[in-house]
PDB file of N, CA and C in Angstrom:
ATOM      1  N   MET A   1      -9.046 -30.147  42.021  1.00  0.00           N
ATOM      2  CA  MET A   1      -7.807 -29.403  42.022  1.00  0.00           C
ATOM      3  C   MET A   1      -7.926 -28.231  41.040  1.00  0.00           C
ATOM      4  N   VAL A   2      -7.590 -27.050  41.479  1.00  0.00           N
ATOM      5  CA  VAL A   2      -7.640 -25.862  40.648  1.00  0.00           C
ATOM      6  C   VAL A   2      -6.256 -25.630  40.049  1.00  0.00           C
ATOM      7  N   SER A   3      -6.209 -25.538  38.738  1.00  0.00           N
ATOM      8  CA  SER A   3      -4.908 -25.317  38.111  1.00  0.00           C
ATOM      9  C   SER A   3      -4.671 -23.826  37.946  1.00  0.00           C
ATOM     10  N   SER A   4      -3.421 -23.456  37.926  1.00  0.00           N
ATOM     11  CA  SER A   4      -3.071 -22.048  37.776  1.00  0.00           C
ATOM     12  C   SER A   4      -3.238 -21.635  36.322  1.00  0.00           C
ATOM     13  N   ILE A   5      -3.261 -20.355  36.113  1.00  0.00           N
ATOM     14  CA  ILE A   5      -3.385 -19.854  34.743  1.00  0.00           C
ATOM     15  C   ILE A   5      -2.188 -20.297  33.904  1.00  0.00           C
ATOM     16  N   ASP A   6      -1.007 -20.373  34.530  1.00  0.00           N
ATOM     17  CA  ASP A   6       0.175 -20.842  33.785  1.00  0.00           C
ATOM     18  C   ASP A   6      -0.009 -22.278  33.306  1.00  0.00           C
ATOM     19  N   ASP A   7      -0.556 -23.131  34.173  1.00  0.00           N
ATOM     20  CA  ASP A   7      -0.780 -24.521  33.781  1.00  0.00           C
ATOM     21  C   ASP A   7      -1.782 -24.606  32.636  1.00  0.00           C
ATOM     22  N   ARG A   8      -2.857 -23.826  32.729  1.00  0.00           N
ATOM     23  CA  ARG A   8      -3.868 -23.842  31.671  1.00  0.00           C
ATOM     24  C   ARG A   8      -3.295 -23.301  30.366  1.00  0.00           C
ATOM     25  N   LEU A   9      -2.516 -22.210  30.454  1.00  0.00           N
ATOM     26  CA  LEU A   9      -1.900 -21.651  29.240  1.00  0.00           C
ATOM     27  C   LEU A   9      -0.931 -22.641  28.607  1.00  0.00           C
ATOM     28  N   ASN A  10      -0.117 -23.304  29.426  1.00  0.00           N
ATOM     29  CA  ASN A  10       0.830 -24.292  28.892  1.00  0.00           C
ATOM     30  C   ASN A  10       0.104 -25.413  28.168  1.00  0.00           C
ATOM     31  N   GLN A  11      -1.024 -25.851  28.712  1.00  0.00           N
ATOM     32  CA  GLN A  11      -1.805 -26.902  28.065  1.00  0.00           C
ATOM     33  C   GLN A  11      -2.346 -26.409  26.719  1.00  0.00           C
ATOM     34  N   ILE A  12      -2.882 -25.199  26.696  1.00  0.00           N
ATOM     35  CA  ILE A  12      -3.416 -24.627  25.458  1.00  0.00           C
ATOM     36  C   ILE A  12      -2.303 -24.457  24.427  1.00  0.00           C
ATOM     37  N   ILE A  13      -1.150 -23.976  24.867  1.00  0.00           N
ATOM     38  CA  ILE A  13      -0.020 -23.772  23.952  1.00  0.00           C
ATOM     39  C   ILE A  13       0.425 -25.091  23.337  1.00  0.00           C
ATOM     40  N   ARG A  14       0.517 -26.124  24.154  1.00  0.00           N
ATOM     41  CA  ARG A  14       0.903 -27.440  23.617  1.00  0.00           C
ATOM     42  C   ARG A  14      -0.100 -27.910  22.565  1.00  0.00           C
ATOM     43  N   GLU A  15      -1.398 -27.703  22.823  1.00  0.00           N
ATOM     44  CA  GLU A  15      -2.423 -28.092  21.847  1.00  0.00           C
ATOM     45  C   GLU A  15      -2.287 -27.294  20.559  1.00  0.00           C
ATOM     46  N   LEU A  16      -2.078 -25.996  20.685  1.00  0.00           N
ATOM     47  CA  LEU A  16      -1.959 -25.153  19.494  1.00  0.00           C
ATOM     48  C   LEU A  16      -0.762 -25.558  18.646  1.00  0.00           C
ATOM     49  N   ILE A  17       0.377 -25.733  19.291  1.00  0.00           N
ATOM     50  CA  ILE A  17       1.580 -26.137  18.559  1.00  0.00           C
ATOM     51  C   ILE A  17       1.371 -27.514  17.926  1.00  0.00           C
ATOM     52  N   GLY A  18       0.747 -28.413  18.659  1.00  0.00           N
ATOM     53  CA  GLY A  18       0.468 -29.752  18.131  1.00  0.00           C
ATOM     54  C   GLY A  18      -0.464 -29.723  16.929  1.00  0.00           C
ATOM     55  N   ASN A  19      -1.310 -28.721  16.863  1.00  0.00           N
ATOM     56  CA  ASN A  19      -2.241 -28.604  15.735  1.00  0.00           C
ATOM     57  C   ASN A  19      -1.713 -27.707  14.623  1.00  0.00           C
ATOM     58  N   GLY A  20      -0.455 -27.278  14.740  1.00  0.00           N
ATOM     59  CA  GLY A  20       0.171 -26.498  13.677  1.00  0.00           C
ATOM     60  C   GLY A  20      -0.275 -25.041  13.622  1.00  0.00           C
ATOM     61  N   ILE A  21      -0.797 -24.526  14.718  1.00  0.00           N
ATOM     62  CA  ILE A  21      -1.235 -23.125  14.757  1.00  0.00           C
ATOM     63  C   ILE A  21      -0.005 -22.241  14.956  1.00  0.00           C
ATOM     64  N   THR A  22       0.132 -21.224  14.103  1.00  0.00           N
ATOM     65  CA  THR A  22       1.280 -20.318  14.224  1.00  0.00           C
ATOM     66  C   THR A  22       1.054 -19.332  15.365  1.00  0.00           C
ATOM     67  N   LEU A  23       2.131 -18.696  15.782  1.00  0.00           N
ATOM     68  CA  LEU A  23       2.046 -17.681  16.830  1.00  0.00           C
ATOM     69  C   LEU A  23       1.113 -16.554  16.401  1.00  0.00           C
ATOM     70  N   GLU A  24       1.232 -16.130  15.148  1.00  0.00           N
ATOM     71  CA  GLU A  24       0.384 -15.049  14.646  1.00  0.00           C
ATOM     72  C   GLU A  24      -1.094 -15.431  14.723  1.00  0.00           C
ATOM     73  N   GLN A  25      -1.409 -16.654  14.327  1.00  0.00           N
ATOM     74  CA  GLN A  25      -2.797 -17.114  14.380  1.00  0.00           C
ATOM     75  C   GLN A  25      -3.294 -17.183  15.825  1.00  0.00           C
ATOM     76  N   ALA A  26      -2.445 -17.675  16.711  1.00  0.00           N
ATOM     77  CA  ALA A  26      -2.836 -17.806  18.117  1.00  0.00           C
ATOM     78  C   ALA A  26      -3.052 -16.439  18.763  1.00  0.00           C
ATOM     79  N   VAL A  27      -2.170 -15.499  18.479  1.00  0.00           N
ATOM     80  CA  VAL A  27      -2.294 -14.149  19.053  1.00  0.00           C
ATOM     81  C   VAL A  27      -3.561 -13.480  18.535  1.00  0.00           C
ATOM     82  N   GLU A  28      -3.817 -13.584  17.225  1.00  0.00           N
ATOM     83  CA  GLU A  28      -5.006 -12.960  16.658  1.00  0.00           C
ATOM     84  C   GLU A  28      -6.271 -13.574  17.252  1.00  0.00           C
ATOM     85  N   ALA A  29      -6.294 -14.886  17.413  1.00  0.00           N
ATOM     86  CA  ALA A  29      -7.468 -15.552  17.972  1.00  0.00           C
ATOM     87  C   ALA A  29      -7.692 -15.132  19.424  1.00  0.00           C
ATOM     88  N   PHE A  30      -6.611 -15.111  20.206  1.00  0.00           N
ATOM     89  CA  PHE A  30      -6.734 -14.724  21.613  1.00  0.00           C
ATOM     90  C   PHE A  30      -7.186 -13.274  21.733  1.00  0.00           C
ATOM     91  N   GLU A  31      -6.556 -12.400  20.964  1.00  0.00           N
ATOM     92  CA  GLU A  31      -6.899 -10.979  21.019  1.00  0.00           C
ATOM     93  C   GLU A  31      -8.360 -10.770  20.615  1.00  0.00           C
ATOM     94  N   GLY A  32      -8.785 -11.464  19.585  1.00  0.00           N
ATOM     95  CA  GLY A  32     -10.171 -11.336  19.146  1.00  0.00           C
ATOM     96  C   GLY A  32     -11.154 -11.768  20.218  1.00  0.00           C
ATOM     97  N   LYS A  33     -10.900 -12.907  20.844  1.00  0.00           N
ATOM     98  CA  LYS A  33     -11.782 -13.404  21.906  1.00  0.00           C
ATOM     99  C   LYS A  33     -11.794 -12.448  23.100  1.00  0.00           C
ATOM    100  N   TYR A  34     -10.633 -11.912  23.416  1.00  0.00           N
ATOM    101  CA  TYR A  34     -10.498 -10.984  24.553  1.00  0.00           C
ATOM    102  C   TYR A  34     -11.286  -9.708  24.284  1.00  0.00           C
ATOM    103  N   ILE A  35     -11.186  -9.197  23.063  1.00  0.00           N
ATOM    104  CA  ILE A  35     -11.912  -7.980  22.682  1.00  0.00           C
ATOM    105  C   ILE A  35     -13.417  -8.243  22.678  1.00  0.00           C
ATOM    106  N   VAL A  36     -13.839  -9.383  22.144  1.00  0.00           N
ATOM    107  CA  VAL A  36     -15.258  -9.725  22.124  1.00  0.00           C
ATOM    108  C   VAL A  36     -15.802  -9.781  23.546  1.00  0.00           C
ATOM    109  N   ALA A  37     -15.055 -10.378  24.460  1.00  0.00           N
ATOM    110  CA  ALA A  37     -15.504 -10.473  25.856  1.00  0.00           C
ATOM    111  C   ALA A  37     -15.637  -9.083  26.485  1.00  0.00           C
ATOM    112  N   ALA A  38     -14.668  -8.205  26.223  1.00  0.00           N
ATOM    113  CA  ALA A  38     -14.721  -6.846  26.778  1.00  0.00           C
ATOM    114  C   ALA A  38     -15.865  -6.049  26.168  1.00  0.00           C
ATOM    115  N   MET A  39     -16.065  -6.194  24.871  1.00  0.00           N
ATOM    116  CA  MET A  39     -17.155  -5.476  24.205  1.00  0.00           C
ATOM    117  C   MET A  39     -18.513  -5.989  24.692  1.00  0.00           C
ATOM    118  N   SER A  40     -18.638  -7.274  24.905  1.00  0.00           N
ATOM    119  CA  SER A  40     -19.885  -7.834  25.409  1.00  0.00           C
ATOM    120  C   SER A  40     -20.149  -7.372  26.838  1.00  0.00           C
ATOM    121  N   ALA A  41     -19.113  -7.364  27.659  1.00  0.00           N
ATOM    122  CA  ALA A  41     -19.262  -6.923  29.047  1.00  0.00           C
ATOM    123  C   ALA A  41     -19.659  -5.453  29.132  1.00  0.00           C
ATOM    124  N   SER A  42     -19.215  -4.665  28.181  1.00  0.00           N
ATOM    125  CA  SER A  42     -19.533  -3.231  28.179  1.00  0.00           C
ATOM    126  C   SER A  42     -20.769  -2.932  27.334  1.00  0.00           C
ATOM    127  N   ARG A  43     -21.461  -3.990  26.879  1.00  0.00           N
ATOM    128  CA  ARG A  43     -22.658  -3.874  26.034  1.00  0.00           C
ATOM    129  C   ARG A  43     -22.417  -2.987  24.817  1.00  0.00           C
ATOM    130  N   GLY A  44     -21.238  -3.163  24.213  1.00  0.00           N
ATOM    131  CA  GLY A  44     -20.919  -2.474  22.973  1.00  0.00           C
ATOM    132  C   GLY A  44     -20.336  -1.090  23.141  1.00  0.00           C
ATOM    133  N   ASN A  45     -20.098  -0.660  24.364  1.00  0.00           N
ATOM    134  CA  ASN A  45     -19.535   0.669  24.592  1.00  0.00           C
ATOM    135  C   ASN A  45     -18.017   0.591  24.401  1.00  0.00           C
ATOM    136  N   VAL A  46     -17.540   1.161  23.316  1.00  0.00           N
ATOM    137  CA  VAL A  46     -16.118   1.065  22.971  1.00  0.00           C
ATOM    138  C   VAL A  46     -15.247   1.753  24.014  1.00  0.00           C
ATOM    139  N   THR A  47     -15.695   2.887  24.531  1.00  0.00           N
ATOM    140  CA  THR A  47     -14.898   3.611  25.528  1.00  0.00           C
ATOM    141  C   THR A  47     -14.720   2.770  26.780  1.00  0.00           C
ATOM    142  N   GLN A  48     -15.799   2.177  27.279  1.00  0.00           N
ATOM    143  CA  GLN A  48     -15.698   1.330  28.477  1.00  0.00           C
ATOM    144  C   GLN A  48     -14.841   0.096  28.214  1.00  0.00           C
ATOM    145  N   ALA A  49     -15.033  -0.521  27.056  1.00  0.00           N
ATOM    146  CA  ALA A  49     -14.257  -1.719  26.715  1.00  0.00           C
ATOM    147  C   ALA A  49     -12.778  -1.385  26.597  1.00  0.00           C
ATOM    148  N   SER A  50     -12.471  -0.242  25.987  1.00  0.00           N
ATOM    149  CA  SER A  50     -11.059   0.120  25.825  1.00  0.00           C
ATOM    150  C   SER A  50     -10.401   0.370  27.176  1.00  0.00           C
ATOM    151  N   LYS A  51     -11.149   0.955  28.118  1.00  0.00           N
ATOM    152  CA  LYS A  51     -10.597   1.157  29.471  1.00  0.00           C
ATOM    153  C   LYS A  51     -10.332  -0.182  30.144  1.00  0.00           C
ATOM    154  N   ALA A  52     -11.273  -1.121  30.001  1.00  0.00           N
ATOM    155  CA  ALA A  52     -11.093  -2.447  30.597  1.00  0.00           C
ATOM    156  C   ALA A  52      -9.902  -3.179  29.988  1.00  0.00           C
ATOM    157  N   LEU A  53      -9.675  -2.965  28.683  1.00  0.00           N
ATOM    158  CA  LEU A  53      -8.569  -3.626  27.980  1.00  0.00           C
ATOM    159  C   LEU A  53      -7.242  -2.903  28.175  1.00  0.00           C
ATOM    160  N   GLY A  54      -7.305  -1.652  28.613  1.00  0.00           N
ATOM    161  CA  GLY A  54      -6.070  -0.881  28.809  1.00  0.00           C
ATOM    162  C   GLY A  54      -5.492  -0.352  27.508  1.00  0.00           C
ATOM    163  N   VAL A  55      -6.370  -0.067  26.527  1.00  0.00           N
ATOM    164  CA  VAL A  55      -5.913   0.496  25.258  1.00  0.00           C
ATOM    165  C   VAL A  55      -6.724   1.754  24.969  1.00  0.00           C
ATOM    166  N   HIS A  56      -6.206   2.603  24.120  1.00  0.00           N
ATOM    167  CA  HIS A  56      -6.925   3.805  23.724  1.00  0.00           C
ATOM    168  C   HIS A  56      -8.126   3.395  22.880  1.00  0.00           C
ATOM    169  N   ARG A  57      -9.212   4.143  22.985  1.00  0.00           N
ATOM    170  CA  ARG A  57     -10.418   3.767  22.242  1.00  0.00           C
ATOM    171  C   ARG A  57     -10.197   3.774  20.737  1.00  0.00           C
ATOM    172  N   ASN A  58      -9.314   4.649  20.238  1.00  0.00           N
ATOM    173  CA  ASN A  58      -9.015   4.639  18.796  1.00  0.00           C
ATOM    174  C   ASN A  58      -8.344   3.335  18.392  1.00  0.00           C
ATOM    175  N   THR A  59      -7.478   2.829  19.263  1.00  0.00           N
ATOM    176  CA  THR A  59      -6.824   1.539  19.000  1.00  0.00           C
ATOM    177  C   THR A  59      -7.866   0.439  18.912  1.00  0.00           C
ATOM    178  N   LEU A  60      -8.817   0.457  19.833  1.00  0.00           N
ATOM    179  CA  LEU A  60      -9.865  -0.560  19.816  1.00  0.00           C
ATOM    180  C   LEU A  60     -10.733  -0.415  18.568  1.00  0.00           C
ATOM    181  N   HIS A  61     -11.092   0.804  18.217  1.00  0.00           N
ATOM    182  CA  HIS A  61     -11.857   1.018  16.983  1.00  0.00           C
ATOM    183  C   HIS A  61     -11.114   0.437  15.780  1.00  0.00           C
ATOM    184  N   ASN A  62      -9.803   0.704  15.699  1.00  0.00           N
ATOM    185  CA  ASN A  62      -9.010   0.191  14.571  1.00  0.00           C
ATOM    186  C   ASN A  62      -8.998  -1.326  14.555  1.00  0.00           C
ATOM    187  N   LYS A  63      -8.856  -1.942  15.713  1.00  0.00           N
ATOM    188  CA  LYS A  63      -8.848  -3.401  15.775  1.00  0.00           C
ATOM    189  C   LYS A  63     -10.210  -3.964  15.374  1.00  0.00           C
ATOM    190  N   LEU A  64     -11.273  -3.307  15.801  1.00  0.00           N
ATOM    191  CA  LEU A  64     -12.611  -3.772  15.427  1.00  0.00           C
ATOM    192  C   LEU A  64     -12.824  -3.689  13.926  1.00  0.00           C
ATOM    193  N   ARG A  65     -12.222  -2.702  13.291  1.00  0.00           N
ATOM    194  CA  ARG A  65     -12.383  -2.540  11.842  1.00  0.00           C
ATOM    195  C   ARG A  65     -11.461  -3.452  11.044  1.00  0.00           C
ATOM    196  N   THR A  66     -10.274  -3.733  11.555  1.00  0.00           N
ATOM    197  CA  THR A  66      -9.267  -4.393  10.730  1.00  0.00           C
ATOM    198  C   THR A  66      -9.023  -5.864  11.035  1.00  0.00           C
ATOM    199  N   GLN A  67      -9.242  -6.299  12.251  1.00  0.00           N
ATOM    200  CA  GLN A  67      -8.875  -7.672  12.579  1.00  0.00           C
ATOM    201  C   GLN A  67      -9.851  -8.661  11.955  1.00  0.00           C
ATOM    202  N   THR A  68      -9.317  -9.627  11.268  1.00  0.00           N
ATOM    203  CA  THR A  68     -10.113 -10.612  10.541  1.00  0.00           C
ATOM    204  C   THR A  68     -11.141 -11.290  11.435  1.00  0.00           C
ATOM    205  N   MET A  69     -10.736 -11.705  12.601  1.00  0.00           N
ATOM    206  CA  MET A  69     -11.627 -12.445  13.485  1.00  0.00           C
ATOM    207  C   MET A  69     -12.795 -11.582  13.957  1.00  0.00           C
ATOM    208  N   LEU A  70     -12.589 -10.275  14.021  1.00  0.00           N
ATOM    209  CA  LEU A  70     -13.626  -9.378  14.506  1.00  0.00           C
ATOM    210  C   LEU A  70     -14.458  -8.791  13.377  1.00  0.00           C
ATOM    211  N   ASN A  71     -14.241  -9.260  12.159  1.00  0.00           N
ATOM    212  CA  ASN A  71     -14.936  -8.714  11.000  1.00  0.00           C
ATOM    213  C   ASN A  71     -16.447  -8.746  11.233  1.00  0.00           C
ATOM    214  N   GLY A  72     -17.048  -7.562  11.236  1.00  0.00           N
ATOM    215  CA  GLY A  72     -18.481  -7.472  11.423  1.00  0.00           C
ATOM    216  C   GLY A  72     -18.936  -7.422  12.861  1.00  0.00           C
ATOM    217  N   PHE A  73     -18.035  -7.654  13.817  1.00  0.00           N
ATOM    218  CA  PHE A  73     -18.455  -7.674  15.213  1.00  0.00           C
ATOM    219  C   PHE A  73     -18.966  -6.314  15.661  1.00  0.00           C
ATOM    220  N   ALA A  74     -18.284  -5.258  15.268  1.00  0.00           N
ATOM    221  CA  ALA A  74     -18.686  -3.913  15.686  1.00  0.00           C
ATOM    222  C   ALA A  74     -20.105  -3.613  15.215  1.00  0.00           C
ATOM    223  N   GLU A  75     -20.438  -4.002  13.990  1.00  0.00           N
ATOM    224  CA  GLU A  75     -21.772  -3.741  13.462  1.00  0.00           C
ATOM    225  C   GLU A  75     -22.827  -4.595  14.161  1.00  0.00           C
ATOM    226  N   SER A  76     -22.441  -5.755  14.653  1.00  0.00           N
ATOM    227  CA  SER A  76     -23.432  -6.646  15.248  1.00  0.00           C
ATOM    228  C   SER A  76     -23.853  -6.207  16.639  1.00  0.00           C
ATOM    229  N   ILE A  77     -23.041  -5.426  17.325  1.00  0.00           N
ATOM    230  CA  ILE A  77     -23.396  -5.041  18.685  1.00  0.00           C
ATOM    231  C   ILE A  77     -23.838  -3.601  18.812  1.00  0.00           C
ATOM    232  N   ARG A  78     -23.540  -2.792  17.825  1.00  0.00           N
ATOM    233  CA  ARG A  78     -23.945  -1.391  17.868  1.00  0.00           C
ATOM    234  C   ARG A  78     -24.658  -1.056  16.573  1.00  0.00           C
ATOM    235  N   PRO A  79     -25.767  -0.327  16.689  1.00  0.00           N
ATOM    236  CA  PRO A  79     -26.462   0.043  15.459  1.00  0.00           C
ATOM    237  C   PRO A  79     -25.610   0.971  14.611  1.00  0.00           C
ATOM    238  N   ALA A  80     -25.763   0.857  13.320  1.00  0.00           N
ATOM    239  CA  ALA A  80     -25.002   1.717  12.415  1.00  0.00           C
ATOM    240  C   ALA A  80     -25.456   3.156  12.601  1.00  0.00           C
ATOM    241  N   ARG A  81     -24.494   4.048  12.539  1.00  0.00           N
ATOM    242  CA  ARG A  81     -24.827   5.461  12.653  1.00  0.00           C
ATOM    243  C   ARG A  81     -25.494   5.918  11.374  1.00  0.00           C
ATOM    244  N   ARG A  82     -26.410   6.848  11.514  1.00  0.00           N
ATOM    245  CA  ARG A  82     -27.078   7.396  10.343  1.00  0.00           C
ATOM    246  C   ARG A  82     -26.078   8.199   9.551  1.00  0.00           C
ATOM    247  N   ARG A  83     -25.954   7.883   8.310  1.00  0.00           N
ATOM    248  CA  ARG A  83     -24.984   8.564   7.462  1.00  0.00           C
ATOM    249  C   ARG A  83     -25.623   9.782   6.820  1.00  0.00           C
ATOM    250  N   LEU A  84     -24.832  10.827   6.726  1.00  0.00           N
ATOM    251  CA  LEU A  84     -25.281  12.007   6.024  1.00  0.00           C
ATOM    252  C   LEU A  84     -25.182  11.741   4.539  1.00  0.00           C
ATOM    253  N   SER A  85     -25.973  12.434   3.775  1.00  0.00           N
ATOM    254  CA  SER A  85     -25.935  12.204   2.332  1.00  0.00           C
ATOM    255  C   SER A  85     -24.566  12.604   1.790  1.00  0.00           C
ATOM    256  N   ALA A  86     -24.214  11.996   0.698  1.00  0.00           N
ATOM    257  CA  ALA A  86     -22.905  12.267   0.095  1.00  0.00           C
ATOM    258  C   ALA A  86     -22.855  13.665  -0.504  1.00  0.00           C
ATOM    259  N   ARG A  87     -24.016  14.204  -0.860  1.00  0.00           N
ATOM    260  CA  ARG A  87     -24.049  15.534  -1.465  1.00  0.00           C
ATOM    261  C   ARG A  87     -23.927  16.579  -0.367  1.00  0.00           C
ATOM    262  N   ARG A  88     -22.993  17.450  -0.504  1.00  0.00           N
ATOM    263  CA  ARG A  88     -22.798  18.509   0.481  1.00  0.00           C
ATOM    264  C   ARG A  88     -23.719  19.675   0.165  1.00  0.00           C
ATOM    265  N   VAL A  89     -24.214  20.240   1.210  1.00  0.00           N
ATOM    266  CA  VAL A  89     -25.053  21.417   1.050  1.00  0.00           C
ATOM    267  C   VAL A  89     -24.179  22.620   1.376  1.00  0.00           C
ATOM    268  N   SER A  90     -24.121  23.549   0.438  1.00  0.00           N
ATOM    269  CA  SER A  90     -23.298  24.731   0.683  1.00  0.00           C
ATOM    270  C   SER A  90     -24.177  25.964   0.650  1.00  0.00           C
ATOM    271  N   ALA A  91     -23.689  26.989   1.269  1.00  0.00           N
ATOM    272  CA  ALA A  91     -24.426  28.245   1.298  1.00  0.00           C
ATOM    273  C   ALA A  91     -24.503  28.801  -0.115  1.00  0.00           C
ATOM    274  N   PRO A  92     -25.626  29.425  -0.448  1.00  0.00           N
ATOM    275  CA  PRO A  92     -25.736  29.994  -1.794  1.00  0.00           C
ATOM    276  C   PRO A  92     -24.719  31.116  -1.976  1.00  0.00           C
ATOM    277  N   SER A  93     -24.204  31.209  -3.183  1.00  0.00           N
ATOM    278  CA  SER A  93     -23.220  32.253  -3.436  1.00  0.00           C
ATOM    279  C   SER A  93     -23.937  33.584  -3.617  1.00  0.00           C
ATOM    280  N   PRO A  94     -23.430  34.623  -2.979  1.00  0.00           N
ATOM    281  CA  PRO A  94     -24.084  35.925  -3.085  1.00  0.00           C
ATOM    282  C   PRO A  94     -23.931  36.483  -4.499  1.00  0.00           C
ATOM    283  N   LYS A  95     -25.015  37.020  -5.007  1.00  0.00           N
ATOM    284  CA  LYS A  95     -24.984  37.601  -6.348  1.00  0.00           C
ATOM    285  C   LYS A  95     -24.921  39.117  -6.213  1.00  0.00           C
ATOM    286  N   ASN A  96     -24.259  39.716  -7.159  1.00  0.00           N
ATOM    287  CA  ASN A  96     -24.126  41.171  -7.196  1.00  0.00           C
ATOM    288  C   ASN A  96     -23.485  41.720  -5.923  1.00  0.00           C
ATOM    289  N   LYS A  97     -22.617  40.939  -5.341  1.00  0.00           N
ATOM    290  CA  LYS A  97     -21.903  41.401  -4.154  1.00  0.00           C
ATOM    291  C   LYS A  97     -20.844  42.413  -4.592  1.00  0.00           C
ATOM    292  N   PRO A  98     -20.791  43.589  -3.960  1.00  0.00           N
ATOM    293  CA  PRO A  98     -19.770  44.569  -4.355  1.00  0.00           C
ATOM    294  C   PRO A  98     -18.368  44.027  -4.102  1.00  0.00           C
ATOM    295  N   ARG A  99     -17.509  44.230  -5.044  1.00  0.00           N
ATOM    296  CA  ARG A  99     -16.125  43.754  -4.927  1.00  0.00           C
ATOM    297  C   ARG A  99     -15.297  44.771  -4.169  1.00  0.00           C
ATOM    298  N   ARG A 100     -14.446  44.265  -3.331  1.00  0.00           N
ATOM    299  CA  ARG A 100     -13.542  45.139  -2.587  1.00  0.00           C
ATOM    300  C   ARG A 100     -12.282  45.355  -3.388  1.00  0.00           C
ATOM    301  N   ILE A 101     -11.825  46.578  -3.396  1.00  0.00           N
ATOM    302  CA  ILE A 101     -10.611  46.900  -4.142  1.00  0.00           C
ATOM    303  C   ILE A 101      -9.480  47.166  -3.191  1.00  0.00           C
TER     304      ILE A 101
END
């Protein structure tokens, strides 16, 4: 017998409530698992995953950075971008440049 998604969700909800899981904890856990599945399906492509999830890619980036359950997930599936040095290189200042009056 195949149960409907409502039946499966009701069973999961009863288990969560029985185990003292708060709504906030349940939502964060579900959202994290859902994002992980989308990111895995898109092989780490945030743009593709965000389209599949129906959210803007900036929203997904923020969730990947801030959500406790996803801590480190973004780094584990995508290589870190090469960072530029902290020291800025600026153009040399011209010497003996005539001043405009």
